[in-house]
Amino acid sequence: MRAVIELIWNSLDADANKVTVTLDRNVADGIVGVAVRDDGLGMSPERVEQDFKWVGNSWKLGARFTERENRPLHGRLGQGRLRAFALGTRVTWETVGQDATGAFKKTRLSSTIDNRNDFTGPDPVDAQGPTYTEFRAEGRDSLGRLEGDAARPRIGGALALHLLTFPTIEVRYDGVKIDPAASIERETLRDLSWSYGGVERRATLRVVEWREVKGRALYLCDEQGLPIEETPIRRFADFNFAAYVLWGDMAEHANEAMLVDLEQETSLLGSLMQVAEA
């Protein structure tokens, strides 16, 4: 699921307004592949050369907003390509973008799990617009966790604040539109304040209670509401909700949440999580 969510974010970072996730099934109705297609800006041959040279080499590394719509960027580390191999042993990207002269060019790259840092394909060719990117994964037969009814709540939770902020975006998963606004029963905002290292700090907690969506989740977000990390709910609750902790310094603490329970001394992020969960 994290791989699918990361691929959707990649599409949104490319200024897509429509993202479609399709699940490929075999004759026994088992999920054996995934495709993610968007109507974003695509990638020029120059961008492909830069971004696929090695994992972590992304144009987004020094950027904060998308190129056309000026929306907040989510991914900056190029991790979507590496996580994509959770969805298949062979992955392919096909994209139409505009080169430096404005001409449309189609580029197709693929790789296998045994050579995951080596993306190869034919030379870019002339193409017609509009721009798009399509990702496809195949080669696995154990993707049952992607089944629509089970997966949509988690996708909706991860994207909820972004989709609520930018209602022109449409994400469809396995034929069904992700629509967090239609599932909200109640929202609560609360200011968080805590002291760490002798410094007073502030964040915001936004709790969304779901009407029909099942599940509970805690998302650690930057000040724009973009999730940096999803963590388990460690406190019992008898209702379905997503809790979003918005903090301007959250991106600096990516991947630290999993270590909080192992820390001998409470860290800055750990102290924030304690306040949020209280």
Protein backbone atom coordinates (compact mmCIF):
# COMPACT_ATOMS: atom_id res chain seq x y z
CA MET A 1 0.00 0.00 0.00
CA ARG A 2 2.84 2.40 0.74
CA ALA A 3 4.15 1.86 -2.77
CA VAL A 4 0.77 2.68 -4.33
CA ILE A 5 0.36 5.77 -2.16
CA GLU A 6 3.87 6.94 -3.05
CA LEU A 7 3.15 6.51 -6.76
CA ILE A 8 -0.05 8.55 -6.43
CA TRP A 9 1.92 11.29 -4.69
CA ASN A 10 4.43 11.22 -7.55
CA SER A 11 1.55 11.88 -9.94
CA LEU A 12 0.25 14.75 -7.83
CA ASP A 13 3.75 16.21 -7.61
CA ALA A 14 3.74 16.20 -11.43
CA ASP A 15 0.64 18.46 -11.32
CA ALA A 16 -1.80 15.70 -12.24
CA ASN A 17 -5.46 16.53 -11.75
CA LYS A 18 -6.59 12.99 -12.53
CA VAL A 19 -4.90 9.82 -11.27
CA THR A 20 -6.25 6.35 -12.00
CA VAL A 21 -5.05 3.19 -10.25
CA THR A 22 -6.00 -0.03 -12.05
CA LEU A 23 -5.60 -3.50 -10.56
CA ASP A 24 -4.77 -6.30 -12.99
CA ARG A 25 -6.43 -9.61 -12.12
CA ASN A 26 -5.95 -13.19 -13.29
CA VAL A 27 -8.71 -15.66 -14.19
CA ALA A 28 -9.11 -16.54 -10.49
CA ASP A 29 -9.68 -12.83 -9.71
CA GLY A 30 -6.35 -12.58 -7.90
CA ILE A 31 -4.46 -9.30 -8.17
CA VAL A 32 -1.26 -9.84 -10.16
CA GLY A 33 -0.35 -6.33 -11.29
CA VAL A 34 -0.92 -2.61 -10.85
CA ALA A 35 -1.05 0.36 -13.21
CA VAL A 36 -1.02 4.04 -12.19
CA ARG A 37 -1.78 6.60 -14.91
CA ASP A 38 -1.99 10.38 -14.58
CA ASP A 39 -2.56 13.46 -16.70
CA GLY A 40 0.33 15.38 -15.22
CA LEU A 41 3.21 17.17 -16.92
CA GLY A 42 5.01 13.95 -17.76
CA MET A 43 8.79 13.78 -17.90
CA SER A 44 11.02 15.21 -20.59
CA PRO A 45 13.93 13.07 -21.78
CA GLU A 46 16.22 15.39 -19.82
CA ARG A 47 14.17 14.93 -16.66
CA VAL A 48 14.15 11.15 -17.11
CA GLU A 49 17.92 11.12 -17.51
CA GLN A 50 18.30 13.13 -14.31
CA ASP A 51 15.73 11.42 -12.11
CA PHE A 52 16.37 7.80 -13.09
CA LYS A 53 20.14 7.99 -12.92
CA TRP A 54 20.05 6.67 -9.36
CA VAL A 55 17.56 6.33 -6.55
CA GLY A 56 17.30 9.56 -4.58
CA ASN A 57 18.28 11.80 -7.51
CA SER A 58 15.07 13.76 -7.97
CA TRP A 59 14.46 17.30 -9.27
CA LYS A 60 12.18 17.72 -6.24
CA LEU A 61 15.13 17.58 -3.87
CA GLY A 62 15.46 21.36 -3.70
CA ALA A 63 11.89 22.35 -4.57
CA ARG A 64 8.85 23.05 -2.38
CA PHE A 65 6.01 23.53 -4.86
CA THR A 66 4.85 21.92 -8.09
CA GLU A 67 5.82 23.51 -11.37
CA ARG A 68 2.43 24.44 -12.84
CA GLU A 69 -0.22 24.43 -10.12
CA ASN A 70 2.09 25.67 -7.33
CA ARG A 71 0.81 22.97 -4.97
CA PRO A 72 2.97 21.75 -2.07
CA LEU A 73 5.36 18.95 -3.05
CA HIS A 74 5.25 15.65 -1.22
CA GLY A 75 8.18 13.52 -2.44
CA ARG A 76 11.72 14.79 -2.53
CA LEU A 77 13.92 11.70 -2.27
CA GLY A 78 13.01 9.63 -5.34
CA GLN A 79 11.89 6.73 -3.13
CA GLY A 80 8.83 5.91 -5.23
CA ARG A 81 10.93 4.03 -7.75
CA LEU A 82 12.46 1.78 -5.10
CA ARG A 83 9.14 1.08 -3.35
CA ALA A 84 7.57 0.25 -6.70
CA PHE A 85 9.26 -3.15 -6.63
CA ALA A 86 6.92 -4.15 -3.81
CA LEU A 87 4.27 -4.29 -6.55
CA GLY A 88 6.09 -6.38 -9.13
CA THR A 89 9.34 -8.00 -10.17
CA ARG A 90 9.27 -5.95 -13.37
CA VAL A 91 8.26 -2.28 -13.48
CA THR A 92 7.80 0.08 -16.40
CA TRP A 93 7.35 3.80 -16.76
CA GLU A 94 5.97 5.31 -19.97
CA THR A 95 5.74 9.07 -20.16
CA VAL A 96 5.11 11.88 -22.63
CA GLY A 97 6.68 15.19 -21.72
CA GLN A 98 7.96 18.28 -23.46
CA ASP A 99 11.66 18.76 -24.09
CA ALA A 100 13.55 22.06 -23.88
CA THR A 101 12.20 23.12 -27.30
CA GLY A 102 8.59 22.40 -26.34
CA ALA A 103 8.35 19.29 -28.54
CA PHE A 104 6.45 16.29 -27.18
CA LYS A 105 8.65 13.23 -26.58
CA LYS A 106 7.70 9.74 -25.39
CA THR A 107 10.11 7.84 -23.15
CA ARG A 108 9.75 4.27 -21.92
CA LEU A 109 11.94 2.79 -19.19
CA SER A 110 11.82 -0.54 -17.40
CA SER A 111 13.74 -2.45 -14.77
CA THR A 112 13.64 -5.71 -12.86
CA ILE A 113 13.97 -6.39 -9.17
CA ASP A 114 17.37 -8.04 -9.74
CA ASN A 115 18.67 -4.85 -11.37
CA ARG A 116 16.58 -2.28 -9.57
CA ASN A 117 18.98 0.61 -10.10
CA ASP A 118 19.32 -0.03 -13.83
CA PHE A 119 16.48 1.49 -15.87
CA THR A 120 16.74 0.91 -19.60
CA GLY A 121 14.64 1.52 -22.67
CA PRO A 122 14.68 2.72 -26.25
CA ASP A 123 15.62 6.26 -27.14
CA PRO A 124 12.85 8.87 -26.76
CA VAL A 125 10.61 9.24 -29.81
CA ASP A 126 8.43 12.05 -31.15
CA ALA A 127 4.91 12.00 -29.74
CA GLN A 128 1.63 13.86 -29.70
CA GLY A 129 0.26 15.56 -26.62
CA PRO A 130 -1.19 15.67 -24.09
CA THR A 131 1.40 14.81 -21.49
CA TYR A 132 0.97 11.84 -19.13
CA THR A 133 2.83 9.22 -17.14
CA GLU A 134 1.84 5.59 -16.75
CA PHE A 135 3.50 3.18 -14.33
CA ARG A 136 2.95 -0.56 -14.55
CA ALA A 137 4.13 -3.41 -12.30
CA GLU A 138 3.84 -7.13 -12.96
CA GLY A 139 5.32 -10.43 -11.85
CA ARG A 140 3.80 -10.92 -8.39
CA ASP A 141 0.76 -12.96 -7.42
CA SER A 142 0.38 -11.98 -3.76
CA LEU A 143 -1.14 -8.51 -3.96
CA GLY A 144 -4.37 -9.25 -2.10
CA ARG A 145 -3.80 -6.32 0.27
CA LEU A 146 -4.54 -4.01 -2.63
CA GLU A 147 -8.15 -5.20 -2.87
CA GLY A 148 -10.28 -2.10 -3.35
CA ASP A 149 -12.60 -2.19 -0.32
CA ALA A 150 -9.68 -2.76 2.04
CA ALA A 151 -7.24 -0.37 0.39
CA ARG A 152 -9.39 2.67 -0.33
CA PRO A 153 -9.72 3.79 3.34
CA ARG A 154 -5.96 3.87 3.77
CA ILE A 155 -5.45 5.73 0.50
CA GLY A 156 -8.20 8.16 1.42
CA GLY A 157 -6.66 8.76 4.82
CA ALA A 158 -3.24 9.48 3.38
CA LEU A 159 -4.58 11.85 0.72
CA ALA A 160 -7.49 13.36 2.65
CA LEU A 161 -6.06 16.77 3.58
CA HIS A 162 -4.59 17.29 0.12
CA LEU A 163 -7.82 16.33 -1.67
CA LEU A 164 -9.85 18.55 0.65
CA THR A 165 -7.50 21.47 -0.04
CA PHE A 166 -7.45 20.91 -3.81
CA PRO A 167 -10.91 19.63 -4.78
CA THR A 168 -10.15 19.70 -8.52
CA ILE A 169 -7.93 16.63 -8.07
CA GLU A 170 -9.61 13.31 -8.82
CA VAL A 171 -8.08 10.01 -7.72
CA ARG A 172 -9.84 6.79 -8.75
CA TYR A 173 -8.81 3.46 -7.26
CA ASP A 174 -10.04 0.20 -8.78
CA GLY A 175 -12.87 2.08 -10.48
CA VAL A 176 -14.05 4.09 -7.45
CA LYS A 177 -13.35 7.76 -6.73
CA ILE A 178 -11.49 8.53 -3.51
CA ASP A 179 -13.75 11.12 -1.87
CA PRO A 180 -12.79 11.86 1.75
CA ALA A 181 -15.16 14.84 1.95
CA ALA A 182 -18.16 12.54 1.51
CA SER A 183 -17.02 10.31 4.37
CA ILE A 184 -16.37 12.92 7.05
CA GLU A 185 -18.63 12.82 10.08
CA ARG A 186 -16.85 15.48 12.12
CA GLU A 187 -13.58 17.44 12.23
CA THR A 188 -11.73 18.77 15.26
CA LEU A 189 -8.75 21.15 15.37
CA ARG A 190 -6.58 21.52 18.43
CA ASP A 191 -3.42 23.54 19.04
CA LEU A 192 -0.57 21.55 20.55
CA SER A 193 2.13 23.10 22.68
CA TRP A 194 5.00 21.39 24.46
CA SER A 195 8.46 22.10 25.76
CA TYR A 196 11.58 20.25 24.69
CA GLY A 197 15.18 21.21 25.33
CA GLY A 198 14.06 24.36 27.09
CA VAL A 199 12.24 25.61 23.98
CA GLU A 200 8.48 26.07 23.71
CA ARG A 201 7.13 24.47 20.56
CA ARG A 202 3.81 24.44 18.71
CA ALA A 203 1.98 22.17 16.29
CA THR A 204 -1.60 21.48 15.24
CA LEU A 205 -3.68 18.33 15.61
CA ARG A 206 -6.49 17.77 13.12
CA VAL A 207 -8.78 14.81 13.79
CA VAL A 208 -11.17 13.62 11.09
CA GLU A 209 -13.90 11.22 12.19
CA TRP A 210 -15.17 9.00 9.39
CA ARG A 211 -18.80 8.17 8.74
CA GLU A 212 -18.33 4.93 6.80
CA VAL A 213 -14.59 4.40 6.44
CA LYS A 214 -13.27 1.77 8.83
CA GLY A 215 -9.96 2.14 10.59
CA ARG A 216 -7.76 4.42 12.66
CA ALA A 217 -4.52 6.08 11.65
CA LEU A 218 -2.06 8.72 12.81
CA TYR A 219 -0.27 10.78 10.15
CA LEU A 220 2.75 12.93 10.90
CA CYS A 221 2.57 15.85 8.45
CA ASP A 222 4.38 19.02 7.54
CA GLU A 223 2.67 22.39 8.00
CA GLN A 224 0.92 21.99 4.62
CA GLY A 225 -0.71 18.74 5.74
CA LEU A 226 1.42 16.49 3.52
CA PRO A 227 2.05 13.17 5.31
CA ILE A 228 5.69 12.45 6.07
CA GLU A 229 4.97 9.20 7.91
CA GLU A 230 2.06 7.01 8.96
CA THR A 231 2.25 5.42 12.41
CA PRO A 232 0.08 2.93 14.30
CA ILE A 233 -2.53 4.21 16.73
CA ARG A 234 -1.27 3.20 20.14
CA ARG A 235 -4.27 4.42 22.09
CA PHE A 236 -7.64 2.65 22.03
CA ALA A 237 -10.63 4.44 20.49
CA ASP A 238 -14.08 3.11 19.71
CA PHE A 239 -14.65 5.25 16.61
CA ASN A 240 -13.05 5.47 13.16
CA PHE A 241 -10.76 8.41 12.54
CA ALA A 242 -7.57 9.78 11.06
CA ALA A 243 -5.43 12.08 13.18
CA TYR A 244 -3.03 14.47 11.46
CA VAL A 245 -0.22 16.17 13.37
CA LEU A 246 0.88 19.27 11.43
CA TRP A 247 4.32 20.59 12.32
CA GLY A 248 6.67 22.74 10.29
CA ASP A 249 9.76 20.69 11.20
CA MET A 250 8.22 17.26 10.55
CA ALA A 251 10.13 16.61 7.31
CA GLU A 252 13.40 16.84 9.24
CA HIS A 253 12.29 13.84 11.33
CA ALA A 254 11.26 11.48 8.54
CA ASN A 255 11.56 7.78 9.43
CA GLU A 256 12.12 8.52 13.13
CA ALA A 257 8.67 7.48 14.34
CA MET A 258 9.50 3.78 14.18
CA LEU A 259 12.31 4.37 16.68
CA VAL A 260 10.26 6.26 19.25
CA ASP A 261 9.32 3.16 21.28
CA LEU A 262 12.96 2.03 21.30
CA GLU A 263 14.41 5.30 22.58
CA GLN A 264 15.98 5.31 26.02
CA GLU A 265 15.34 9.03 26.28
CA THR A 266 12.36 10.77 24.75
CA SER A 267 13.29 12.55 21.50
CA LEU A 268 11.81 15.75 20.11
CA LEU A 269 9.47 13.78 17.82
CA GLY A 270 8.63 11.38 20.64
CA SER A 271 7.64 14.23 22.90
CA LEU A 272 5.36 15.63 20.18
CA MET A 273 3.70 12.23 19.66
CA GLN A 274 3.09 11.95 23.41
CA VAL A 275 1.30 15.31 23.43
CA ALA A 276 -0.73 14.42 20.33
CA GLU A 277 -1.82 11.03 21.66
CA ALA A 278 -2.82 12.52 25.01
